[in-house]
């Protein structure tokens, strides 16, 4: 049965709310979900790489590696340059309604033949198509991104926790937003500063981005649409299709970055 529900909770001193048509929610006496460690700190079991120009499952030149109990994006072995090898490391199972949290910081490694916008830039994709459906020459997965940025130029604002939308659309402030990326209200961080990120997703209704515990962006109705992604199988891009669930992927796009304390809880 469908009925109108009101989602509301207090986060970072801000009341977050959304009214949406959803299936009847579980009763209050249902047991609460537990946090799951997405990364065991030892190896990349439960994770699947997909890098542009390569088949799903091939971790080209050890792009994604375990370093001191973290997941590192590292290009030490890229002897032939970047060559647009945009990559993603996908967790093994999809999620619909969830709360994910992680910490990240950039390294001083950046490949100069990568596009200029990739400098001190990475992200976490969610509601993505399954990694095995991404074609060898498909550049970006059809997904939504929690974009991670750091300061590029001293004194110039560059917020993190933004939204980007390869092959997707979202509604912002009640209307479908034509922009590929929507900036958050977060402060700007130095490249080597650890930042705590939270992503709260309620299926195809409400999405919330938090930075260091503060709500910095909210939007609704993630769905297939828009541009940017190229060379995909058309059957996975039917514009207007609600994104009710999908896979989570850590991004590599020419900038070194470190991820740690990756946890998720289903809602």
C-alpha atoms as a PDB file:
ATOM      1  CA  UNK A   1       0.000   0.000   0.000  1.00  0.00           C
ATOM      2  CA  UNK A   2       1.295   3.464  -0.871  1.00  0.00           C
ATOM      3  CA  UNK A   3       0.770   6.283   1.512  1.00  0.00           C
ATOM      4  CA  UNK A   4       2.199   9.722   2.163  1.00  0.00           C
ATOM      5  CA  UNK A   5       4.905   9.670   4.819  1.00  0.00           C
ATOM      6  CA  UNK A   6       6.936  12.406   6.479  1.00  0.00           C
ATOM      7  CA  UNK A   7      10.640  11.778   6.989  1.00  0.00           C
ATOM      8  CA  UNK A   8      12.144  13.961   9.673  1.00  0.00           C
ATOM      9  CA  UNK A   9      15.110  13.825  12.000  1.00  0.00           C
ATOM     10  CA  UNK A  10      17.639  16.065  13.657  1.00  0.00           C
ATOM     11  CA  UNK A  11      21.148  16.031  12.234  1.00  0.00           C
ATOM     12  CA  UNK A  12      23.898  18.527  13.049  1.00  0.00           C
ATOM     13  CA  UNK A  13      21.382  20.799  14.732  1.00  0.00           C
ATOM     14  CA  UNK A  14      19.217  20.937  11.594  1.00  0.00           C
ATOM     15  CA  UNK A  15      15.809  19.357  11.127  1.00  0.00           C
ATOM     16  CA  UNK A  16      15.864  17.343   7.917  1.00  0.00           C
ATOM     17  CA  UNK A  17      12.513  16.522   6.375  1.00  0.00           C
ATOM     18  CA  UNK A  18      10.925  15.274   3.197  1.00  0.00           C
ATOM     19  CA  UNK A  19       7.386  14.336   2.253  1.00  0.00           C
ATOM     20  CA  UNK A  20       7.246  11.579  -0.351  1.00  0.00           C
ATOM     21  CA  UNK A  21       5.159   8.704  -1.631  1.00  0.00           C
ATOM     22  CA  UNK A  22       6.823   5.577  -0.221  1.00  0.00           C
ATOM     23  CA  UNK A  23       5.857   2.063   0.770  1.00  0.00           C
ATOM     24  CA  UNK A  24       4.593   1.623   4.285  1.00  0.00           C
ATOM     25  CA  UNK A  25       7.572   1.871   6.631  1.00  0.00           C
ATOM     26  CA  UNK A  26       8.531  -0.715   9.223  1.00  0.00           C
ATOM     27  CA  UNK A  27       7.072  -0.523  12.689  1.00  0.00           C
ATOM     28  CA  UNK A  28       8.932   1.244  15.483  1.00  0.00           C
ATOM     29  CA  UNK A  29       9.457  -2.064  17.278  1.00  0.00           C
ATOM     30  CA  UNK A  30      11.589  -3.447  14.437  1.00  0.00           C
ATOM     31  CA  UNK A  31      15.240  -4.020  15.449  1.00  0.00           C
ATOM     32  CA  UNK A  32      17.619  -1.265  14.342  1.00  0.00           C
ATOM     33  CA  UNK A  33      20.152  -2.077  11.644  1.00  0.00           C
ATOM     34  CA  UNK A  34      23.777  -2.421  12.692  1.00  0.00           C
ATOM     35  CA  UNK A  35      26.747  -0.638  11.164  1.00  0.00           C
ATOM     36  CA  UNK A  36      28.678  -2.774   8.680  1.00  0.00           C
ATOM     37  CA  UNK A  37      32.410  -2.367   8.074  1.00  0.00           C
ATOM     38  CA  UNK A  38      32.717  -2.162   4.292  1.00  0.00           C
ATOM     39  CA  UNK A  39      36.497  -2.587   4.354  1.00  0.00           C
ATOM     40  CA  UNK A  40      38.392  -5.160   6.437  1.00  0.00           C
ATOM     41  CA  UNK A  41      41.632  -3.145   6.540  1.00  0.00           C
ATOM     42  CA  UNK A  42      43.625  -6.009   4.989  1.00  0.00           C
ATOM     43  CA  UNK A  43      42.600  -6.566   1.369  1.00  0.00           C
ATOM     44  CA  UNK A  44      40.045  -5.618  -1.266  1.00  0.00           C
ATOM     45  CA  UNK A  45      37.803  -8.619  -0.769  1.00  0.00           C
ATOM     46  CA  UNK A  46      34.159  -7.594  -1.373  1.00  0.00           C
ATOM     47  CA  UNK A  47      35.230  -4.835  -3.789  1.00  0.00           C
ATOM     48  CA  UNK A  48      35.143  -4.873  -7.614  1.00  0.00           C
ATOM     49  CA  UNK A  49      37.253  -2.499  -9.761  1.00  0.00           C
ATOM     50  CA  UNK A  50      36.069  -1.095 -13.096  1.00  0.00           C
ATOM     51  CA  UNK A  51      38.466   1.211 -14.938  1.00  0.00           C
ATOM     52  CA  UNK A  52      37.859   2.908 -18.288  1.00  0.00           C
ATOM     53  CA  UNK A  53      39.497   0.957 -21.167  1.00  0.00           C
ATOM     54  CA  UNK A  54      39.587  -2.205 -19.028  1.00  0.00           C
ATOM     55  CA  UNK A  55      37.236  -5.042 -18.214  1.00  0.00           C
ATOM     56  CA  UNK A  56      35.289  -5.203 -14.966  1.00  0.00           C
ATOM     57  CA  UNK A  57      37.427  -6.823 -12.285  1.00  0.00           C
ATOM     58  CA  UNK A  58      40.802  -5.655 -13.660  1.00  0.00           C
ATOM     59  CA  UNK A  59      42.626  -3.440 -11.153  1.00  0.00           C
ATOM     60  CA  UNK A  60      44.910  -1.822 -13.699  1.00  0.00           C
ATOM     61  CA  UNK A  61      48.418  -1.201 -12.330  1.00  0.00           C
ATOM     62  CA  UNK A  62      47.172  -1.705  -8.785  1.00  0.00           C
ATOM     63  CA  UNK A  63      45.256   1.594  -8.905  1.00  0.00           C
ATOM     64  CA  UNK A  64      43.259   0.645  -5.816  1.00  0.00           C
ATOM     65  CA  UNK A  65      45.456  -0.769  -3.068  1.00  0.00           C
ATOM     66  CA  UNK A  66      45.557  -1.305   0.674  1.00  0.00           C
ATOM     67  CA  UNK A  67      48.035   0.939   2.472  1.00  0.00           C
ATOM     68  CA  UNK A  68      48.363   1.013   6.274  1.00  0.00           C
ATOM     69  CA  UNK A  69      44.801  -0.148   6.806  1.00  0.00           C
ATOM     70  CA  UNK A  70      43.286   2.285   4.290  1.00  0.00           C
ATOM     71  CA  UNK A  71      42.103   2.083   0.686  1.00  0.00           C
ATOM     72  CA  UNK A  72      44.459   4.213  -1.393  1.00  0.00           C
ATOM     73  CA  UNK A  73      44.113   5.415  -4.969  1.00  0.00           C
ATOM     74  CA  UNK A  74      47.715   5.370  -6.154  1.00  0.00           C
ATOM     75  CA  UNK A  75      49.328   5.900  -9.568  1.00  0.00           C
ATOM     76  CA  UNK A  76      52.921   4.850  -8.840  1.00  0.00           C
ATOM     77  CA  UNK A  77      52.732   2.167 -11.546  1.00  0.00           C
ATOM     78  CA  UNK A  78      51.148   4.318 -14.268  1.00  0.00           C
ATOM     79  CA  UNK A  79      54.258   4.370 -16.440  1.00  0.00           C
ATOM     80  CA  UNK A  80      52.310   5.247 -19.601  1.00  0.00           C
ATOM     81  CA  UNK A  81      50.350   8.177 -18.154  1.00  0.00           C
ATOM     82  CA  UNK A  82      46.709   8.419 -17.145  1.00  0.00           C
ATOM     83  CA  UNK A  83      45.105   8.044 -20.595  1.00  0.00           C
ATOM     84  CA  UNK A  84      41.648   8.913 -19.234  1.00  0.00           C
ATOM     85  CA  UNK A  85      41.555   5.789 -17.083  1.00  0.00           C
ATOM     86  CA  UNK A  86      38.705   6.984 -14.882  1.00  0.00           C
ATOM     87  CA  UNK A  87      38.056   4.220 -12.399  1.00  0.00           C
ATOM     88  CA  UNK A  88      35.719   3.082  -9.655  1.00  0.00           C
ATOM     89  CA  UNK A  89      36.021   0.475  -6.943  1.00  0.00           C
ATOM     90  CA  UNK A  90      32.557  -0.932  -6.260  1.00  0.00           C
ATOM     91  CA  UNK A  91      31.298  -2.569  -3.095  1.00  0.00           C
ATOM     92  CA  UNK A  92      29.949  -6.031  -3.857  1.00  0.00           C
ATOM     93  CA  UNK A  93      26.225  -5.458  -3.166  1.00  0.00           C
ATOM     94  CA  UNK A  94      23.654  -2.746  -3.913  1.00  0.00           C
ATOM     95  CA  UNK A  95      21.826  -0.614  -1.354  1.00  0.00           C
ATOM     96  CA  UNK A  96      18.553   1.294  -1.415  1.00  0.00           C
ATOM     97  CA  UNK A  97      17.967   3.184   1.860  1.00  0.00           C
ATOM     98  CA  UNK A  98      21.182   3.588   3.811  1.00  0.00           C
ATOM     99  CA  UNK A  99      23.531   5.768   5.827  1.00  0.00           C
ATOM    100  CA  UNK A 100      27.176   5.558   4.738  1.00  0.00           C
ATOM    101  CA  UNK A 101      30.088   7.258   6.451  1.00  0.00           C
ATOM    102  CA  UNK A 102      33.782   7.476   5.637  1.00  0.00           C
ATOM    103  CA  UNK A 103      36.849   9.667   6.039  1.00  0.00           C
ATOM    104  CA  UNK A 104      39.126  10.840   3.258  1.00  0.00           C
ATOM    105  CA  UNK A 105      42.064  13.037   2.418  1.00  0.00           C
ATOM    106  CA  UNK A 106      43.999  13.695  -0.751  1.00  0.00           C
ATOM    107  CA  UNK A 107      47.674  12.948  -1.365  1.00  0.00           C
ATOM    108  CA  UNK A 108      50.202  15.102  -3.234  1.00  0.00           C
ATOM    109  CA  UNK A 109      50.051  12.747  -6.228  1.00  0.00           C
ATOM    110  CA  UNK A 110      48.285  14.023  -9.351  1.00  0.00           C
ATOM    111  CA  UNK A 111      48.866  12.936 -12.944  1.00  0.00           C
ATOM    112  CA  UNK A 112      49.370  16.026 -15.058  1.00  0.00           C
ATOM    113  CA  UNK A 113      47.929  14.437 -18.202  1.00  0.00           C
ATOM    114  CA  UNK A 114      44.582  14.064 -16.395  1.00  0.00           C
ATOM    115  CA  UNK A 115      41.927  16.721 -17.000  1.00  0.00           C
ATOM    116  CA  UNK A 116      42.571  19.887 -14.979  1.00  0.00           C
ATOM    117  CA  UNK A 117      39.287  19.567 -13.058  1.00  0.00           C
ATOM    118  CA  UNK A 118      40.497  16.291 -11.514  1.00  0.00           C
ATOM    119  CA  UNK A 119      43.088  18.121  -9.405  1.00  0.00           C
ATOM    120  CA  UNK A 120      42.281  17.491  -5.719  1.00  0.00           C
ATOM    121  CA  UNK A 121      39.016  15.951  -6.863  1.00  0.00           C
ATOM    122  CA  UNK A 122      37.506  12.529  -6.238  1.00  0.00           C
ATOM    123  CA  UNK A 123      34.215  11.128  -4.990  1.00  0.00           C
ATOM    124  CA  UNK A 124      31.923   8.306  -3.962  1.00  0.00           C
ATOM    125  CA  UNK A 125      29.323   7.133  -6.467  1.00  0.00           C
ATOM    126  CA  UNK A 126      25.998   5.660  -5.319  1.00  0.00           C
ATOM    127  CA  UNK A 127      22.814   4.276  -6.862  1.00  0.00           C
ATOM    128  CA  UNK A 128      25.160   3.157  -9.642  1.00  0.00           C
ATOM    129  CA  UNK A 129      24.469   0.557 -12.279  1.00  0.00           C
ATOM    130  CA  UNK A 130      26.048  -2.813 -11.465  1.00  0.00           C
ATOM    131  CA  UNK A 131      29.785  -2.958 -12.280  1.00  0.00           C
ATOM    132  CA  UNK A 132      29.327  -5.946 -14.605  1.00  0.00           C
ATOM    133  CA  UNK A 133      26.951  -3.865 -16.769  1.00  0.00           C
ATOM    134  CA  UNK A 134      29.550  -1.115 -17.379  1.00  0.00           C
ATOM    135  CA  UNK A 135      31.098  -1.547 -20.815  1.00  0.00           C
ATOM    136  CA  UNK A 136      34.866  -1.642 -21.338  1.00  0.00           C
ATOM    137  CA  UNK A 137      34.853   1.729 -23.153  1.00  0.00           C
ATOM    138  CA  UNK A 138      32.210   3.382 -20.936  1.00  0.00           C
ATOM    139  CA  UNK A 139      33.782   6.332 -19.161  1.00  0.00           C
ATOM    140  CA  UNK A 140      31.417   6.915 -16.232  1.00  0.00           C
ATOM    141  CA  UNK A 141      28.893   4.645 -14.531  1.00  0.00           C
ATOM    142  CA  UNK A 142      25.300   5.856 -14.601  1.00  0.00           C
ATOM    143  CA  UNK A 143      25.148   6.980 -10.979  1.00  0.00           C
ATOM    144  CA  UNK A 144      25.050   9.904  -8.542  1.00  0.00           C
ATOM    145  CA  UNK A 145      28.221  11.242  -6.914  1.00  0.00           C
ATOM    146  CA  UNK A 146      29.111  12.640  -3.479  1.00  0.00           C
ATOM    147  CA  UNK A 147      31.915  14.790  -4.859  1.00  0.00           C
ATOM    148  CA  UNK A 148      35.079  15.325  -2.795  1.00  0.00           C
ATOM    149  CA  UNK A 149      37.131  18.479  -3.415  1.00  0.00           C
ATOM    150  CA  UNK A 150      39.954  20.323  -1.675  1.00  0.00           C
ATOM    151  CA  UNK A 151      41.453  23.768  -2.000  1.00  0.00           C
ATOM    152  CA  UNK A 152      42.976  24.415  -5.422  1.00  0.00           C
ATOM    153  CA  UNK A 153      43.992  28.049  -5.022  1.00  0.00           C
ATOM    154  CA  UNK A 154      44.747  29.845  -1.750  1.00  0.00           C
ATOM    155  CA  UNK A 155      41.761  31.872  -0.576  1.00  0.00           C
ATOM    156  CA  UNK A 156      39.388  30.653  -3.308  1.00  0.00           C
ATOM    157  CA  UNK A 157      36.320  28.782  -2.058  1.00  0.00           C
ATOM    158  CA  UNK A 158      36.005  25.186  -3.249  1.00  0.00           C
ATOM    159  CA  UNK A 159      33.387  23.348  -1.173  1.00  0.00           C
ATOM    160  CA  UNK A 160      33.272  19.586  -0.803  1.00  0.00           C
ATOM    161  CA  UNK A 161      30.271  17.295  -0.469  1.00  0.00           C
ATOM    162  CA  UNK A 162      28.825  18.473  -3.776  1.00  0.00           C
ATOM    163  CA  UNK A 163      26.514  16.454  -6.036  1.00  0.00           C
ATOM    164  CA  UNK A 164      27.456  15.413  -9.561  1.00  0.00           C
ATOM    165  CA  UNK A 165      25.258  13.379 -11.887  1.00  0.00           C
ATOM    166  CA  UNK A 166      26.780  11.265 -14.698  1.00  0.00           C
ATOM    167  CA  UNK A 167      23.811   9.910 -16.640  1.00  0.00           C
ATOM    168  CA  UNK A 168      21.358  11.013 -13.962  1.00  0.00           C
ATOM    169  CA  UNK A 169      19.135  13.878 -12.806  1.00  0.00           C
ATOM    170  CA  UNK A 170      18.058  15.116  -9.378  1.00  0.00           C
ATOM    171  CA  UNK A 171      15.521  17.598  -8.059  1.00  0.00           C
ATOM    172  CA  UNK A 172      16.919  20.533  -6.072  1.00  0.00           C
ATOM    173  CA  UNK A 173      14.674  22.964  -4.209  1.00  0.00           C
ATOM    174  CA  UNK A 174      11.632  21.277  -5.739  1.00  0.00           C
ATOM    175  CA  UNK A 175      12.631  21.381  -9.407  1.00  0.00           C
ATOM    176  CA  UNK A 176      14.658  19.172 -11.717  1.00  0.00           C
ATOM    177  CA  UNK A 177      18.069  20.825 -11.817  1.00  0.00           C
ATOM    178  CA  UNK A 178      19.853  20.958 -15.198  1.00  0.00           C
ATOM    179  CA  UNK A 179      23.330  21.329 -13.679  1.00  0.00           C
ATOM    180  CA  UNK A 180      25.730  18.409 -13.775  1.00  0.00           C
ATOM    181  CA  UNK A 181      27.100  19.435 -10.359  1.00  0.00           C
ATOM    182  CA  UNK A 182      25.443  21.290  -7.477  1.00  0.00           C
ATOM    183  CA  UNK A 183      27.723  22.877  -4.888  1.00  0.00           C
ATOM    184  CA  UNK A 184      27.218  22.296  -1.193  1.00  0.00           C
ATOM    185  CA  UNK A 185      27.509  24.870   1.580  1.00  0.00           C
ATOM    186  CA  UNK A 186      30.610  23.289   3.116  1.00  0.00           C
ATOM    187  CA  UNK A 187      33.813  25.181   3.911  1.00  0.00           C
ATOM    188  CA  UNK A 188      36.983  24.651   1.868  1.00  0.00           C
ATOM    189  CA  UNK A 189      39.554  22.160   3.182  1.00  0.00           C
ATOM    190  CA  UNK A 190      43.289  21.812   2.620  1.00  0.00           C
ATOM    191  CA  UNK A 191      44.317  18.858   0.452  1.00  0.00           C
ATOM    192  CA  UNK A 192      46.012  16.949   3.297  1.00  0.00           C
ATOM    193  CA  UNK A 193      43.224  17.486   5.870  1.00  0.00           C
ATOM    194  CA  UNK A 194      41.098  14.507   6.921  1.00  0.00           C
ATOM    195  CA  UNK A 195      37.394  15.116   6.273  1.00  0.00           C
ATOM    196  CA  UNK A 196      34.481  13.060   7.611  1.00  0.00           C
ATOM    197  CA  UNK A 197      31.729  12.424   5.089  1.00  0.00           C
ATOM    198  CA  UNK A 198      28.181  11.115   5.556  1.00  0.00           C
ATOM    199  CA  UNK A 199      25.707  10.126   2.875  1.00  0.00           C
ATOM    200  CA  UNK A 200      22.084   9.435   3.821  1.00  0.00           C
ATOM    201  CA  UNK A 201      19.838   8.047   1.094  1.00  0.00           C
ATOM    202  CA  UNK A 202      16.158   7.104   1.186  1.00  0.00           C
ATOM    203  CA  UNK A 203      15.741   5.179  -2.063  1.00  0.00           C
ATOM    204  CA  UNK A 204      14.505   7.536  -4.784  1.00  0.00           C
ATOM    205  CA  UNK A 205      13.152  10.184  -2.401  1.00  0.00           C
ATOM    206  CA  UNK A 206      15.577  12.140  -0.204  1.00  0.00           C
ATOM    207  CA  UNK A 207      19.399  12.375  -0.313  1.00  0.00           C
ATOM    208  CA  UNK A 208      21.456  14.235   2.315  1.00  0.00           C
ATOM    209  CA  UNK A 209      25.177  15.090   2.280  1.00  0.00           C
ATOM    210  CA  UNK A 210      27.014  15.889   5.519  1.00  0.00           C
ATOM    211  CA  UNK A 211      30.564  17.150   6.051  1.00  0.00           C
ATOM    212  CA  UNK A 212      32.142  16.808   9.497  1.00  0.00           C
ATOM    213  CA  UNK A 213      28.653  16.287  10.935  1.00  0.00           C
ATOM    214  CA  UNK A 214      26.965  19.306   9.325  1.00  0.00           C
ATOM    215  CA  UNK A 215      24.270  19.059   6.659  1.00  0.00           C
ATOM    216  CA  UNK A 216      25.615  20.778   3.523  1.00  0.00           C
ATOM    217  CA  UNK A 217      23.297  19.630   0.727  1.00  0.00           C
ATOM    218  CA  UNK A 218      19.866  18.029   0.228  1.00  0.00           C
ATOM    219  CA  UNK A 219      18.095  16.970  -2.942  1.00  0.00           C
ATOM    220  CA  UNK A 220      15.378  14.555  -4.029  1.00  0.00           C
ATOM    221  CA  UNK A 221      14.157  12.180  -6.749  1.00  0.00           C
ATOM    222  CA  UNK A 222      17.430  10.800  -8.171  1.00  0.00           C
ATOM    223  CA  UNK A 223      16.647   9.288 -11.568  1.00  0.00           C
ATOM    224  CA  UNK A 224      18.251   8.215 -14.827  1.00  0.00           C
ATOM    225  CA  UNK A 225      18.721  11.142 -17.219  1.00  0.00           C
ATOM    226  CA  UNK A 226      21.077  13.932 -18.189  1.00  0.00           C
ATOM    227  CA  UNK A 227      24.376  13.597 -20.018  1.00  0.00           C
ATOM    228  CA  UNK A 228      28.134  13.282 -19.302  1.00  0.00           C
ATOM    229  CA  UNK A 229      28.277   9.454 -19.251  1.00  0.00           C
ATOM    230  CA  UNK A 230      29.170   7.994 -22.668  1.00  0.00           C
ATOM    231  CA  UNK A 231      29.458   4.642 -24.469  1.00  0.00           C
ATOM    232  CA  UNK A 232      26.974   2.879 -22.178  1.00  0.00           C
ATOM    233  CA  UNK A 233      24.552   0.088 -23.044  1.00  0.00           C
ATOM    234  CA  UNK A 234      21.312   1.984 -23.859  1.00  0.00           C
ATOM    235  CA  UNK A 235      19.160  -0.453 -21.936  1.00  0.00           C
ATOM    236  CA  UNK A 236      20.679   0.906 -18.711  1.00  0.00           C
ATOM    237  CA  UNK A 237      19.872   4.518 -19.535  1.00  0.00           C
ATOM    238  CA  UNK A 238      16.120   4.906 -19.805  1.00  0.00           C
ATOM    239  CA  UNK A 239      15.691   8.553 -18.857  1.00  0.00           C
ATOM    240  CA  UNK A 240      13.161   9.236 -16.134  1.00  0.00           C
ATOM    241  CA  UNK A 241      13.606   5.852 -14.440  1.00  0.00           C
ATOM    242  CA  UNK A 242      13.676   6.385 -10.642  1.00  0.00           C
ATOM    243  CA  UNK A 243      16.913   5.307  -8.957  1.00  0.00           C
ATOM    244  CA  UNK A 244      15.610   3.264  -6.065  1.00  0.00           C
ATOM    245  CA  UNK A 245      18.875   1.407  -5.396  1.00  0.00           C
ATOM    246  CA  UNK A 246      22.325   0.759  -6.773  1.00  0.00           C
ATOM    247  CA  UNK A 247      25.988   0.121  -6.122  1.00  0.00           C
ATOM    248  CA  UNK A 248      28.514   2.273  -4.254  1.00  0.00           C
ATOM    249  CA  UNK A 249      31.885   3.046  -5.858  1.00  0.00           C
ATOM    250  CA  UNK A 250      35.060   4.857  -4.773  1.00  0.00           C
ATOM    251  CA  UNK A 251      36.443   7.023  -7.540  1.00  0.00           C
ATOM    252  CA  UNK A 252      39.865   7.320  -9.181  1.00  0.00           C
ATOM    253  CA  UNK A 253      40.395  10.037 -11.777  1.00  0.00           C
ATOM    254  CA  UNK A 254      44.080  10.973 -11.732  1.00  0.00           C
ATOM    255  CA  UNK A 255      44.300  12.377  -8.186  1.00  0.00           C
ATOM    256  CA  UNK A 256      45.695  10.357  -5.304  1.00  0.00           C
ATOM    257  CA  UNK A 257      43.287   9.940  -2.403  1.00  0.00           C
ATOM    258  CA  UNK A 258      42.947   7.828   0.751  1.00  0.00           C
ATOM    259  CA  UNK A 259      39.726   6.383   2.204  1.00  0.00           C
ATOM    260  CA  UNK A 260      39.305   4.980   5.709  1.00  0.00           C
ATOM    261  CA  UNK A 261      36.624   4.029   8.250  1.00  0.00           C
ATOM    262  CA  UNK A 262      34.083   3.116   5.575  1.00  0.00           C
ATOM    263  CA  UNK A 263      30.869   1.979   7.251  1.00  0.00           C
ATOM    264  CA  UNK A 264      27.262   1.563   6.141  1.00  0.00           C
ATOM    265  CA  UNK A 265      23.924   0.970   7.822  1.00  0.00           C
ATOM    266  CA  UNK A 266      20.685   0.093   6.049  1.00  0.00           C
ATOM    267  CA  UNK A 267      17.698   2.269   6.917  1.00  0.00           C
END
